[in-house]
């Protein structure tokens, strides 16, 4: 399972930031994603609520599922998601 994190500005939040997590997993010909908001408490990542999920039914081949998986990861990286969450320096 690959996990990506996003930190962005969100004026609706009290602190002005929005933290999100996005996970993707490929098992054979099936791809499943999970996503949702998170909080950072004492340097630990804590889910704000349960993650939403979406599952794509079996692809015709494992190669198709892998290319779909790779394409989704590239899309999230282009949108600003990172493999490790940013750490703020004091």
N, C-alpha and C. Protein backbone atom coordinates (compact mmCIF):
# COMPACT_ATOMS: atom_id res chain seq x y z
N UNK A 1 0.84 -1.17 0.00
CA UNK A 1 0.00 0.00 0.00
C UNK A 1 0.89 1.24 0.00
N UNK A 2 0.59 2.17 -0.88
CA UNK A 2 1.32 3.42 -0.96
C UNK A 2 0.48 4.50 -0.29
N UNK A 3 1.12 5.31 0.56
CA UNK A 3 0.44 6.36 1.29
C UNK A 3 1.03 7.71 0.92
N UNK A 4 0.16 8.66 0.55
CA UNK A 4 0.59 10.02 0.20
C UNK A 4 -0.11 11.02 1.11
N UNK A 5 0.56 12.14 1.38
CA UNK A 5 0.02 13.16 2.26
C UNK A 5 -0.05 14.49 1.54
N UNK A 6 -1.01 15.33 1.91
CA UNK A 6 -1.15 16.66 1.32
C UNK A 6 -1.34 17.68 2.43
N UNK A 7 -0.63 18.78 2.31
CA UNK A 7 -0.80 19.92 3.20
C UNK A 7 -1.09 21.11 2.32
N UNK A 8 -2.18 21.78 2.57
CA UNK A 8 -2.53 22.94 1.76
C UNK A 8 -3.28 23.98 2.56
N UNK A 9 -3.38 25.16 2.01
CA UNK A 9 -4.11 26.22 2.67
C UNK A 9 -5.60 25.97 2.59
N UNK A 10 -6.26 26.24 3.71
CA UNK A 10 -7.71 26.09 3.76
C UNK A 10 -8.25 27.16 4.71
N UNK A 11 -8.78 28.25 4.17
CA UNK A 11 -9.26 29.34 5.02
C UNK A 11 -10.45 28.95 5.90
N UNK A 12 -11.10 27.85 5.62
CA UNK A 12 -12.24 27.42 6.42
C UNK A 12 -11.81 26.82 7.76
N UNK A 13 -10.57 26.35 7.86
CA UNK A 13 -10.07 25.78 9.11
C UNK A 13 -9.54 26.88 10.01
N UNK A 14 -9.59 26.65 11.30
CA UNK A 14 -9.14 27.64 12.27
C UNK A 14 -7.66 27.96 12.10
N UNK A 15 -6.83 26.96 11.83
CA UNK A 15 -5.40 27.20 11.67
C UNK A 15 -5.02 27.55 10.24
N UNK A 16 -5.97 27.49 9.32
CA UNK A 16 -5.71 27.86 7.92
C UNK A 16 -5.04 26.79 7.09
N UNK A 17 -4.85 25.59 7.65
CA UNK A 17 -4.22 24.49 6.91
C UNK A 17 -5.16 23.30 6.81
N UNK A 18 -4.93 22.50 5.80
CA UNK A 18 -5.69 21.28 5.60
C UNK A 18 -4.71 20.14 5.40
N UNK A 19 -4.83 19.10 6.19
CA UNK A 19 -4.00 17.90 6.05
C UNK A 19 -4.87 16.78 5.53
N UNK A 20 -4.37 16.07 4.51
CA UNK A 20 -5.13 14.96 3.92
C UNK A 20 -4.20 13.77 3.73
N UNK A 21 -4.80 12.60 3.73
CA UNK A 21 -4.06 11.38 3.43
C UNK A 21 -4.79 10.67 2.29
N UNK A 22 -4.01 10.01 1.43
CA UNK A 22 -4.56 9.27 0.30
C UNK A 22 -3.75 7.98 0.20
N UNK A 23 -4.44 6.84 0.24
CA UNK A 23 -3.78 5.54 0.18
C UNK A 23 -4.30 4.78 -1.03
N UNK A 24 -3.41 4.04 -1.66
CA UNK A 24 -3.81 3.20 -2.79
C UNK A 24 -3.15 1.84 -2.64
N UNK A 25 -3.91 0.81 -3.01
CA UNK A 25 -3.42 -0.56 -2.92
C UNK A 25 -3.88 -1.34 -4.14
N UNK A 26 -2.96 -2.12 -4.69
CA UNK A 26 -3.30 -3.00 -5.81
C UNK A 26 -3.05 -4.42 -5.37
N UNK A 27 -4.07 -5.25 -5.51
CA UNK A 27 -3.96 -6.67 -5.21
C UNK A 27 -4.36 -7.42 -6.46
N UNK A 28 -3.37 -7.91 -7.18
CA UNK A 28 -3.66 -8.59 -8.44
C UNK A 28 -4.29 -7.63 -9.44
N UNK A 29 -5.55 -7.90 -9.82
CA UNK A 29 -6.23 -7.05 -10.82
C UNK A 29 -7.21 -6.06 -10.20
N UNK A 30 -7.20 -5.93 -8.87
CA UNK A 30 -8.12 -5.03 -8.17
C UNK A 30 -7.34 -3.87 -7.57
N UNK A 31 -7.87 -2.65 -7.73
CA UNK A 31 -7.24 -1.44 -7.16
C UNK A 31 -8.24 -0.80 -6.20
N UNK A 32 -7.74 -0.41 -5.03
CA UNK A 32 -8.58 0.22 -4.02
C UNK A 32 -7.88 1.46 -3.48
N UNK A 33 -8.64 2.55 -3.30
CA UNK A 33 -8.09 3.77 -2.72
C UNK A 33 -8.88 4.13 -1.46
N UNK A 34 -8.19 4.84 -0.55
CA UNK A 34 -8.81 5.36 0.67
C UNK A 34 -8.28 6.77 0.85
N UNK A 35 -9.13 7.67 1.35
CA UNK A 35 -8.71 9.05 1.55
C UNK A 35 -9.51 9.71 2.64
N UNK A 36 -8.95 10.80 3.17
CA UNK A 36 -9.67 11.55 4.19
C UNK A 36 -8.79 12.55 4.91
N UNK A 37 -9.39 13.35 5.79
CA UNK A 37 -8.63 14.34 6.54
C UNK A 37 -7.87 13.71 7.71
N UNK A 38 -6.76 14.33 8.07
CA UNK A 38 -5.97 13.87 9.20
C UNK A 38 -5.59 15.06 10.07
N UNK A 39 -5.13 14.76 11.27
CA UNK A 39 -4.59 15.77 12.18
C UNK A 39 -3.21 15.30 12.61
N UNK A 40 -2.35 16.25 12.91
CA UNK A 40 -1.04 15.93 13.45
C UNK A 40 -1.07 16.28 14.93
N UNK A 41 -0.96 15.30 15.78
CA UNK A 41 -0.99 15.51 17.22
C UNK A 41 0.27 14.90 17.82
N UNK A 42 1.12 15.74 18.37
CA UNK A 42 2.36 15.25 18.98
C UNK A 42 3.22 14.47 18.02
N UNK A 43 3.37 14.98 16.80
CA UNK A 43 4.17 14.34 15.73
C UNK A 43 3.60 13.02 15.23
N UNK A 44 2.38 12.71 15.61
CA UNK A 44 1.74 11.49 15.14
C UNK A 44 0.57 11.85 14.24
N UNK A 45 0.36 11.06 13.23
CA UNK A 45 -0.76 11.26 12.31
C UNK A 45 -1.97 10.55 12.88
N UNK A 46 -3.06 11.31 13.05
CA UNK A 46 -4.30 10.77 13.61
C UNK A 46 -5.43 11.05 12.63
N UNK A 47 -6.22 10.03 12.33
CA UNK A 47 -7.34 10.22 11.42
C UNK A 47 -8.41 11.10 12.08
N UNK A 48 -8.93 12.06 11.33
CA UNK A 48 -10.00 12.91 11.85
C UNK A 48 -11.31 12.14 11.91
N UNK A 49 -11.50 11.25 10.97
CA UNK A 49 -12.68 10.36 10.93
C UNK A 49 -12.29 9.17 10.05
N UNK A 50 -13.18 8.24 9.88
CA UNK A 50 -12.84 7.07 9.07
C UNK A 50 -12.63 7.50 7.62
N UNK A 51 -11.80 6.77 6.93
CA UNK A 51 -11.46 7.11 5.55
C UNK A 51 -12.54 6.64 4.59
N UNK A 52 -12.78 7.46 3.59
CA UNK A 52 -13.68 7.06 2.49
C UNK A 52 -12.89 6.10 1.59
N UNK A 53 -13.58 5.29 0.83
CA UNK A 53 -12.86 4.35 -0.04
C UNK A 53 -13.59 4.14 -1.35
N UNK A 54 -12.81 3.71 -2.33
CA UNK A 54 -13.36 3.36 -3.63
C UNK A 54 -12.59 2.16 -4.14
N UNK A 55 -13.31 1.22 -4.71
CA UNK A 55 -12.70 0.01 -5.23
C UNK A 55 -13.07 -0.13 -6.70
N UNK A 56 -12.04 -0.34 -7.52
CA UNK A 56 -12.30 -0.57 -8.94
C UNK A 56 -12.37 -2.07 -9.16
N UNK A 57 -13.37 -2.53 -9.89
CA UNK A 57 -13.51 -3.98 -10.11
C UNK A 57 -12.32 -4.52 -10.90
N UNK A 58 -12.26 -5.79 -11.00
CA UNK A 58 -11.13 -6.44 -11.66
C UNK A 58 -10.88 -5.89 -13.05
N UNK A 59 -9.63 -5.56 -13.30
CA UNK A 59 -9.21 -5.19 -14.64
C UNK A 59 -8.99 -6.46 -15.44
N UNK A 60 -8.92 -6.34 -16.74
CA UNK A 60 -8.76 -7.52 -17.59
C UNK A 60 -7.44 -8.23 -17.33
N UNK A 61 -6.37 -7.44 -17.09
CA UNK A 61 -5.05 -8.03 -16.83
C UNK A 61 -4.39 -7.31 -15.67
N UNK A 62 -3.38 -7.95 -15.12
CA UNK A 62 -2.60 -7.35 -14.04
C UNK A 62 -1.86 -6.11 -14.57
N UNK A 63 -1.41 -6.17 -15.81
CA UNK A 63 -0.71 -5.04 -16.42
C UNK A 63 -1.60 -3.80 -16.49
N UNK A 64 -2.85 -3.97 -16.85
CA UNK A 64 -3.80 -2.84 -16.88
C UNK A 64 -3.98 -2.26 -15.49
N UNK A 65 -4.12 -3.13 -14.49
CA UNK A 65 -4.31 -2.67 -13.12
C UNK A 65 -3.07 -1.91 -12.65
N UNK A 66 -1.88 -2.41 -12.98
CA UNK A 66 -0.64 -1.74 -12.58
C UNK A 66 -0.51 -0.38 -13.25
N UNK A 67 -0.84 -0.27 -14.53
CA UNK A 67 -0.74 1.02 -15.21
C UNK A 67 -1.75 2.02 -14.63
N UNK A 68 -2.95 1.56 -14.27
CA UNK A 68 -3.94 2.41 -13.64
C UNK A 68 -3.43 2.90 -12.28
N UNK A 69 -2.87 1.99 -11.50
CA UNK A 69 -2.30 2.30 -10.20
C UNK A 69 -1.21 3.37 -10.33
N UNK A 70 -0.28 3.15 -11.26
CA UNK A 70 0.81 4.10 -11.47
C UNK A 70 0.30 5.46 -11.92
N UNK A 71 -0.71 5.48 -12.79
CA UNK A 71 -1.28 6.73 -13.29
C UNK A 71 -1.93 7.52 -12.15
N UNK A 72 -2.66 6.84 -11.27
CA UNK A 72 -3.30 7.50 -10.13
C UNK A 72 -2.26 8.10 -9.18
N UNK A 73 -1.18 7.38 -8.93
CA UNK A 73 -0.11 7.89 -8.06
C UNK A 73 0.52 9.13 -8.68
N UNK A 74 0.82 9.08 -9.97
CA UNK A 74 1.40 10.26 -10.66
C UNK A 74 0.46 11.46 -10.59
N UNK A 75 -0.85 11.24 -10.76
CA UNK A 75 -1.82 12.33 -10.67
C UNK A 75 -1.76 13.01 -9.30
N UNK A 76 -1.72 12.22 -8.24
CA UNK A 76 -1.68 12.79 -6.89
C UNK A 76 -0.37 13.53 -6.65
N UNK A 77 0.74 12.99 -7.14
CA UNK A 77 2.02 13.67 -6.97
C UNK A 77 2.02 15.01 -7.71
N UNK A 78 1.40 15.06 -8.88
CA UNK A 78 1.29 16.33 -9.63
C UNK A 78 0.43 17.34 -8.89
N UNK A 79 -0.57 16.87 -8.15
CA UNK A 79 -1.46 17.76 -7.41
C UNK A 79 -0.82 18.30 -6.14
N UNK A 80 0.35 17.80 -5.76
CA UNK A 80 1.03 18.32 -4.58
C UNK A 80 1.11 17.36 -3.41
N UNK A 81 0.61 16.16 -3.57
CA UNK A 81 0.73 15.17 -2.51
C UNK A 81 2.19 14.73 -2.40
N UNK A 82 2.61 14.35 -1.21
CA UNK A 82 3.98 13.92 -0.96
C UNK A 82 3.97 12.56 -0.30
N UNK A 83 5.08 11.84 -0.49
CA UNK A 83 5.17 10.52 0.10
C UNK A 83 5.34 10.61 1.62
N UNK A 84 6.08 11.60 2.10
CA UNK A 84 6.22 11.82 3.54
C UNK A 84 5.61 13.18 3.87
N UNK A 85 4.96 13.29 5.02
CA UNK A 85 4.39 14.60 5.39
C UNK A 85 5.49 15.61 5.67
N UNK A 86 5.18 16.88 5.38
CA UNK A 86 6.14 17.94 5.64
C UNK A 86 6.30 18.14 7.14
N UNK A 87 7.50 18.46 7.54
CA UNK A 87 7.75 18.77 8.95
C UNK A 87 8.13 20.23 9.03
N UNK A 88 7.47 20.93 9.88
CA UNK A 88 7.75 22.35 10.05
C UNK A 88 8.92 22.52 11.01
N UNK A 89 9.80 23.45 10.68
CA UNK A 89 10.93 23.76 11.55
C UNK A 89 10.54 24.89 12.48
N UNK A 90 11.01 24.81 13.70
CA UNK A 90 10.70 25.87 14.67
C UNK A 90 11.69 27.00 14.58
